[in-house]
PDB file of all heavy atoms in Angstrom:
ATOM      1  N   ALA A   1     -12.290 -18.315  -5.978  1.00  0.00           N
ATOM      2  CA  ALA A   1     -11.117 -19.193  -5.980  1.00  0.00           C
ATOM      3  C   ALA A   1      -9.856 -18.401  -5.637  1.00  0.00           C
ATOM      4  O   ALA A   1      -9.005 -18.881  -4.884  1.00  0.00           O
ATOM      5  CB  ALA A   1     -10.962 -19.874  -7.345  1.00  0.00           C
ATOM      6  N   ARG A   2      -9.747 -17.184  -6.164  1.00  0.00           N
ATOM      7  CA  ARG A   2      -8.580 -16.346  -5.831  1.00  0.00           C
ATOM      8  C   ARG A   2      -8.576 -15.966  -4.356  1.00  0.00           C
ATOM      9  O   ARG A   2      -7.529 -15.942  -3.721  1.00  0.00           O
ATOM     10  CB  ARG A   2      -8.560 -15.098  -6.698  1.00  0.00           C
ATOM     11  CG  ARG A   2      -8.105 -15.391  -8.099  1.00  0.00           C
ATOM     12  CD  ARG A   2      -7.626 -14.140  -8.802  1.00  0.00           C
ATOM     13  NE  ARG A   2      -7.090 -14.506 -10.094  1.00  0.00           N
ATOM     14  CZ  ARG A   2      -7.567 -14.090 -11.252  1.00  0.00           C
ATOM     15  NH1 ARG A   2      -8.587 -13.265 -11.284  1.00  0.00           N
ATOM     16  NH2 ARG A   2      -7.022 -14.489 -12.373  1.00  0.00           N
ATOM     17  N   ASP A   3      -9.747 -15.643  -3.821  1.00  0.00           N
ATOM     18  CA  ASP A   3      -9.840 -15.314  -2.391  1.00  0.00           C
ATOM     19  C   ASP A   3      -9.422 -16.510  -1.540  1.00  0.00           C
ATOM     20  O   ASP A   3      -8.689 -16.365  -0.567  1.00  0.00           O
ATOM     21  CB  ASP A   3     -11.264 -14.884  -2.022  1.00  0.00           C
ATOM     22  CG  ASP A   3     -11.653 -13.531  -2.613  1.00  0.00           C
ATOM     23  OD1 ASP A   3     -10.744 -12.805  -3.093  1.00  0.00           O
ATOM     24  OD2 ASP A   3     -12.856 -13.216  -2.606  1.00  0.00           O
ATOM     25  N   THR A   4      -9.886 -17.685  -1.909  1.00  0.00           N
ATOM     26  CA  THR A   4      -9.528 -18.896  -1.181  1.00  0.00           C
ATOM     27  C   THR A   4      -8.037 -19.180  -1.305  1.00  0.00           C
ATOM     28  O   THR A   4      -7.384 -19.562  -0.330  1.00  0.00           O
ATOM     29  CB  THR A   4     -10.335 -20.095  -1.701  1.00  0.00           C
ATOM     30  OG1 THR A   4     -11.728 -19.795  -1.600  1.00  0.00           O
ATOM     31  CG2 THR A   4     -10.037 -21.356  -0.917  1.00  0.00           C
ATOM     32  N   LEU A   5      -7.487 -18.962  -2.477  1.00  0.00           N
ATOM     33  CA  LEU A   5      -6.056 -19.163  -2.692  1.00  0.00           C
ATOM     34  C   LEU A   5      -5.248 -18.208  -1.808  1.00  0.00           C
ATOM     35  O   LEU A   5      -4.249 -18.607  -1.212  1.00  0.00           O
ATOM     36  CB  LEU A   5      -5.708 -18.951  -4.168  1.00  0.00           C
ATOM     37  CG  LEU A   5      -4.320 -19.333  -4.631  1.00  0.00           C
ATOM     38  CD1 LEU A   5      -4.056 -20.810  -4.373  1.00  0.00           C
ATOM     39  CD2 LEU A   5      -4.163 -19.033  -6.112  1.00  0.00           C
ATOM     40  N   GLY A   6      -5.702 -16.978  -1.696  1.00  0.00           N
ATOM     41  CA  GLY A   6      -5.046 -16.014  -0.808  1.00  0.00           C
ATOM     42  C   GLY A   6      -5.123 -16.447   0.642  1.00  0.00           C
ATOM     43  O   GLY A   6      -4.157 -16.306   1.404  1.00  0.00           O
ATOM     44  N   ALA A   7      -6.263 -16.981   1.050  1.00  0.00           N
ATOM     45  CA  ALA A   7      -6.422 -17.458   2.421  1.00  0.00           C
ATOM     46  C   ALA A   7      -5.525 -18.658   2.687  1.00  0.00           C
ATOM     47  O   ALA A   7      -4.944 -18.785   3.774  1.00  0.00           O
ATOM     48  CB  ALA A   7      -7.878 -17.820   2.685  1.00  0.00           C
ATOM     49  N   ILE A   8      -5.395 -19.529   1.703  1.00  0.00           N
ATOM     50  CA  ILE A   8      -4.519 -20.696   1.850  1.00  0.00           C
ATOM     51  C   ILE A   8      -3.075 -20.236   2.019  1.00  0.00           C
ATOM     52  O   ILE A   8      -2.341 -20.741   2.866  1.00  0.00           O
ATOM     53  CB  ILE A   8      -4.663 -21.654   0.649  1.00  0.00           C
ATOM     54  CG1 ILE A   8      -5.991 -22.406   0.744  1.00  0.00           C
ATOM     55  CG2 ILE A   8      -3.519 -22.646   0.580  1.00  0.00           C
ATOM     56  CD1 ILE A   8      -6.305 -23.243  -0.475  1.00  0.00           C
ATOM     57  N   ALA A   9      -2.676 -19.273   1.212  1.00  0.00           N
ATOM     58  CA  ALA A   9      -1.303 -18.763   1.292  1.00  0.00           C
ATOM     59  C   ALA A   9      -1.050 -18.079   2.638  1.00  0.00           C
ATOM     60  O   ALA A   9       0.010 -18.237   3.235  1.00  0.00           O
ATOM     61  CB  ALA A   9      -1.025 -17.798   0.150  1.00  0.00           C
ATOM     62  N   ALA A  10      -2.024 -17.326   3.127  1.00  0.00           N
ATOM     63  CA  ALA A  10      -1.868 -16.596   4.387  1.00  0.00           C
ATOM     64  C   ALA A  10      -1.876 -17.531   5.589  1.00  0.00           C
ATOM     65  O   ALA A  10      -1.191 -17.268   6.587  1.00  0.00           O
ATOM     66  CB  ALA A  10      -2.969 -15.560   4.526  1.00  0.00           C
ATOM     67  N   ASN A  11      -2.634 -18.603   5.507  1.00  0.00           N
ATOM     68  CA  ASN A  11      -2.784 -19.494   6.656  1.00  0.00           C
ATOM     69  C   ASN A  11      -1.925 -20.750   6.555  1.00  0.00           C
ATOM     70  O   ASN A  11      -2.099 -21.675   7.350  1.00  0.00           O
ATOM     71  CB  ASN A  11      -4.254 -19.891   6.825  1.00  0.00           C
ATOM     72  CG  ASN A  11      -5.121 -18.693   7.129  1.00  0.00           C
ATOM     73  OD1 ASN A  11      -4.677 -17.748   7.763  1.00  0.00           O
ATOM     74  ND2 ASN A  11      -6.351 -18.729   6.683  1.00  0.00           N
ATOM     75  N   GLY A  12      -1.055 -20.795   5.580  1.00  0.00           N
ATOM     76  CA  GLY A  12      -0.164 -21.947   5.456  1.00  0.00           C
ATOM     77  C   GLY A  12      -0.882 -23.224   5.063  1.00  0.00           C
ATOM     78  O   GLY A  12      -0.608 -24.285   5.618  1.00  0.00           O
ATOM     79  N   GLY A  13      -1.770 -23.136   4.082  1.00  0.00           N
ATOM     80  CA  GLY A  13      -2.482 -24.325   3.612  1.00  0.00           C
ATOM     81  C   GLY A  13      -1.572 -25.259   2.853  1.00  0.00           C
ATOM     82  O   GLY A  13      -0.396 -24.980   2.618  1.00  0.00           O
ATOM     83  N   THR A  14      -2.123 -26.366   2.457  1.00  0.00           N
ATOM     84  CA  THR A  14      -1.324 -27.382   1.768  1.00  0.00           C
ATOM     85  C   THR A  14      -1.043 -26.974   0.320  1.00  0.00           C
ATOM     86  O   THR A  14      -1.879 -26.324  -0.318  1.00  0.00           O
ATOM     87  CB  THR A  14      -2.057 -28.743   1.756  1.00  0.00           C
ATOM     88  OG1 THR A  14      -3.256 -28.601   1.000  1.00  0.00           O
ATOM     89  CG2 THR A  14      -2.375 -29.201   3.165  1.00  0.00           C
ATOM     90  N   PRO A  15       0.117 -27.365  -0.182  1.00  0.00           N
ATOM     91  CA  PRO A  15       0.429 -27.058  -1.582  1.00  0.00           C
ATOM     92  C   PRO A  15      -0.522 -27.743  -2.562  1.00  0.00           C
ATOM     93  O   PRO A  15      -0.789 -27.209  -3.634  1.00  0.00           O
ATOM     94  CB  PRO A  15       1.848 -27.591  -1.762  1.00  0.00           C
ATOM     95  CG  PRO A  15       2.390 -27.813  -0.400  1.00  0.00           C
ATOM     96  CD  PRO A  15       1.226 -27.978   0.518  1.00  0.00           C
ATOM     97  N   GLU A  16      -1.057 -28.898  -2.174  1.00  0.00           N
ATOM     98  CA  GLU A  16      -1.993 -29.606  -3.047  1.00  0.00           C
ATOM     99  C   GLU A  16      -3.275 -28.797  -3.241  1.00  0.00           C
ATOM    100  O   GLU A  16      -3.803 -28.718  -4.350  1.00  0.00           O
ATOM    101  CB  GLU A  16      -2.344 -30.986  -2.485  1.00  0.00           C
ATOM    102  CG  GLU A  16      -1.185 -31.957  -2.432  1.00  0.00           C
ATOM    103  CD  GLU A  16      -0.301 -31.772  -1.196  1.00  0.00           C
ATOM    104  OE1 GLU A  16      -0.757 -31.184  -0.181  1.00  0.00           O
ATOM    105  OE2 GLU A  16       0.863 -32.187  -1.259  1.00  0.00           O
ATOM    106  N   ALA A  17      -3.770 -28.201  -2.157  1.00  0.00           N
ATOM    107  CA  ALA A  17      -4.985 -27.386  -2.246  1.00  0.00           C
ATOM    108  C   ALA A  17      -4.739 -26.155  -3.103  1.00  0.00           C
ATOM    109  O   ALA A  17      -5.582 -25.766  -3.922  1.00  0.00           O
ATOM    110  CB  ALA A  17      -5.453 -26.976  -0.855  1.00  0.00           C
ATOM    111  N   ALA A  18      -3.582 -25.535  -2.934  1.00  0.00           N
ATOM    112  CA  ALA A  18      -3.239 -24.362  -3.741  1.00  0.00           C
ATOM    113  C   ALA A  18      -3.132 -24.743  -5.216  1.00  0.00           C
ATOM    114  O   ALA A  18      -3.625 -24.017  -6.086  1.00  0.00           O
ATOM    115  CB  ALA A  18      -1.934 -23.749  -3.250  1.00  0.00           C
ATOM    116  N   GLN A  19      -2.522 -25.883  -5.492  1.00  0.00           N
ATOM    117  CA  GLN A  19      -2.381 -26.345  -6.875  1.00  0.00           C
ATOM    118  C   GLN A  19      -3.744 -26.633  -7.496  1.00  0.00           C
ATOM    119  O   GLN A  19      -3.990 -26.297  -8.653  1.00  0.00           O
ATOM    120  CB  GLN A  19      -1.496 -27.595  -6.938  1.00  0.00           C
ATOM    121  CG  GLN A  19      -1.287 -28.140  -8.327  1.00  0.00           C
ATOM    122  CD  GLN A  19      -0.589 -27.157  -9.247  1.00  0.00           C
ATOM    123  OE1 GLN A  19       0.308 -26.440  -8.835  1.00  0.00           O
ATOM    124  NE2 GLN A  19      -1.016 -27.110 -10.496  1.00  0.00           N
ATOM    125  N   ARG A  20      -4.633 -27.238  -6.714  1.00  0.00           N
ATOM    126  CA  ARG A  20      -5.986 -27.541  -7.204  1.00  0.00           C
ATOM    127  C   ARG A  20      -6.718 -26.251  -7.565  1.00  0.00           C
ATOM    128  O   ARG A  20      -7.353 -26.140  -8.614  1.00  0.00           O
ATOM    129  CB  ARG A  20      -6.760 -28.326  -6.160  1.00  0.00           C
ATOM    130  CG  ARG A  20      -8.168 -28.717  -6.595  1.00  0.00           C
ATOM    131  CD  ARG A  20      -8.927 -29.434  -5.501  1.00  0.00           C
ATOM    132  NE  ARG A  20      -8.977 -28.734  -4.240  1.00  0.00           N
ATOM    133  CZ  ARG A  20      -9.793 -27.711  -3.962  1.00  0.00           C
ATOM    134  NH1 ARG A  20     -10.607 -27.254  -4.895  1.00  0.00           N
ATOM    135  NH2 ARG A  20      -9.786 -27.135  -2.775  1.00  0.00           N
ATOM    136  N   LEU A  21      -6.607 -25.230  -6.696  1.00  0.00           N
ATOM    137  CA  LEU A  21      -7.264 -23.959  -6.963  1.00  0.00           C
ATOM    138  C   LEU A  21      -6.667 -23.255  -8.173  1.00  0.00           C
ATOM    139  O   LEU A  21      -7.393 -22.651  -8.966  1.00  0.00           O
ATOM    140  CB  LEU A  21      -7.184 -23.046  -5.734  1.00  0.00           C
ATOM    141  CG  LEU A  21      -8.169 -23.393  -4.625  1.00  0.00           C
ATOM    142  CD1 LEU A  21      -7.857 -22.609  -3.367  1.00  0.00           C
ATOM    143  CD2 LEU A  21      -9.585 -23.122  -5.073  1.00  0.00           C
ATOM    144  N   GLU A  22      -5.366 -23.326  -8.337  1.00  0.00           N
ATOM    145  CA  GLU A  22      -4.734 -22.719  -9.509  1.00  0.00           C
ATOM    146  C   GLU A  22      -5.212 -23.396 -10.790  1.00  0.00           C
ATOM    147  O   GLU A  22      -5.433 -22.732 -11.804  1.00  0.00           O
ATOM    148  CB  GLU A  22      -3.214 -22.782  -9.383  1.00  0.00           C
ATOM    149  CG  GLU A  22      -2.672 -21.828  -8.337  1.00  0.00           C
ATOM    150  CD  GLU A  22      -1.200 -22.033  -8.035  1.00  0.00           C
ATOM    151  OE1 GLU A  22      -0.563 -22.935  -8.634  1.00  0.00           O
ATOM    152  OE2 GLU A  22      -0.690 -21.291  -7.189  1.00  0.00           O
ATOM    153  N   THR A  23      -5.401 -24.708 -10.736  1.00  0.00           N
ATOM    154  CA  THR A  23      -5.923 -25.443 -11.892  1.00  0.00           C
ATOM    155  C   THR A  23      -7.353 -24.998 -12.194  1.00  0.00           C
ATOM    156  O   THR A  23      -7.716 -24.795 -13.358  1.00  0.00           O
ATOM    157  CB  THR A  23      -5.893 -26.962 -11.624  1.00  0.00           C
ATOM    158  OG1 THR A  23      -4.553 -27.342 -11.336  1.00  0.00           O
ATOM    159  CG2 THR A  23      -6.421 -27.750 -12.801  1.00  0.00           C
ATOM    160  N   GLU A  24      -8.165 -24.835 -11.148  1.00  0.00           N
ATOM    161  CA  GLU A  24      -9.542 -24.386 -11.332  1.00  0.00           C
ATOM    162  C   GLU A  24      -9.582 -22.984 -11.925  1.00  0.00           C
ATOM    163  O   GLU A  24     -10.373 -22.714 -12.835  1.00  0.00           O
ATOM    164  CB  GLU A  24     -10.294 -24.407 -10.002  1.00  0.00           C
ATOM    165  CG  GLU A  24     -10.611 -25.792  -9.504  1.00  0.00           C
ATOM    166  CD  GLU A  24     -11.357 -25.787  -8.175  1.00  0.00           C
ATOM    167  OE1 GLU A  24     -11.693 -24.687  -7.667  1.00  0.00           O
ATOM    168  OE2 GLU A  24     -11.599 -26.880  -7.644  1.00  0.00           O
ATOM    169  N   ILE A  25      -8.741 -22.090 -11.414  1.00  0.00           N
ATOM    170  CA  ILE A  25      -8.711 -20.715 -11.919  1.00  0.00           C
ATOM    171  C   ILE A  25      -8.327 -20.703 -13.394  1.00  0.00           C
ATOM    172  O   ILE A  25      -8.950 -20.012 -14.207  1.00  0.00           O
ATOM    173  CB  ILE A  25      -7.753 -19.843 -11.081  1.00  0.00           C
ATOM    174  CG1 ILE A  25      -8.333 -19.626  -9.676  1.00  0.00           C
ATOM    175  CG2 ILE A  25      -7.484 -18.510 -11.756  1.00  0.00           C
ATOM    176  CD1 ILE A  25      -7.368 -19.000  -8.690  1.00  0.00           C
ATOM    177  N   ALA A  26      -7.315 -21.493 -13.755  1.00  0.00           N
ATOM    178  CA  ALA A  26      -6.894 -21.563 -15.164  1.00  0.00           C
ATOM    179  C   ALA A  26      -8.026 -22.091 -16.040  1.00  0.00           C
ATOM    180  O   ALA A  26      -8.246 -21.587 -17.160  1.00  0.00           O
ATOM    181  CB  ALA A  26      -5.659 -22.437 -15.295  1.00  0.00           C
ATOM    182  N   ALA A  27      -8.749 -23.082 -15.547  1.00  0.00           N
ATOM    183  CA  ALA A  27      -9.858 -23.651 -16.318  1.00  0.00           C
ATOM    184  C   ALA A  27     -10.962 -22.620 -16.511  1.00  0.00           C
ATOM    185  O   ALA A  27     -11.543 -22.506 -17.600  1.00  0.00           O
ATOM    186  CB  ALA A  27     -10.411 -24.889 -15.621  1.00  0.00           C
ATOM    187  N   LEU A  28     -11.258 -21.849 -15.471  1.00  0.00           N
ATOM    188  CA  LEU A  28     -12.328 -20.859 -15.547  1.00  0.00           C
ATOM    189  C   LEU A  28     -11.940 -19.654 -16.397  1.00  0.00           C
ATOM    190  O   LEU A  28     -12.770 -19.097 -17.118  1.00  0.00           O
ATOM    191  CB  LEU A  28     -12.720 -20.400 -14.141  1.00  0.00           C
ATOM    192  CG  LEU A  28     -13.384 -21.460 -13.266  1.00  0.00           C
ATOM    193  CD1 LEU A  28     -13.486 -20.974 -11.831  1.00  0.00           C
ATOM    194  CD2 LEU A  28     -14.752 -21.823 -13.814  1.00  0.00           C
ATOM    195  N   GLU A  29     -10.681 -19.241 -16.307  1.00  0.00           N
ATOM    196  CA  GLU A  29     -10.250 -18.057 -17.055  1.00  0.00           C
ATOM    197  C   GLU A  29     -10.279 -18.281 -18.562  1.00  0.00           C
ATOM    198  O   GLU A  29     -10.270 -17.317 -19.323  1.00  0.00           O
ATOM    199  CB  GLU A  29      -8.864 -17.618 -16.598  1.00  0.00           C
ATOM    200  CG  GLU A  29      -8.902 -16.906 -15.267  1.00  0.00           C
ATOM    201  CD  GLU A  29      -7.550 -16.426 -14.796  1.00  0.00           C
ATOM    202  OE1 GLU A  29      -6.527 -16.982 -15.223  1.00  0.00           O
ATOM    203  OE2 GLU A  29      -7.528 -15.488 -13.982  1.00  0.00           O
ATOM    204  N   ALA A  30     -10.358 -19.516 -18.987  1.00  0.00           N
ATOM    205  CA  ALA A  30     -10.469 -19.801 -20.419  1.00  0.00           C
ATOM    206  C   ALA A  30     -11.789 -19.267 -20.981  1.00  0.00           C
ATOM    207  O   ALA A  30     -11.907 -19.062 -22.198  1.00  0.00           O
ATOM    208  CB  ALA A  30     -10.370 -21.301 -20.660  1.00  0.00           C
TER     209      ALA A  30
END
């Protein structure tokens, strides 16, 4: 998920996709 988030940031992905991944990362890190 972090790798994908980095790719989204580098390639100008949508903020919604980045937000979804951040939510997933937070859920998993618990």
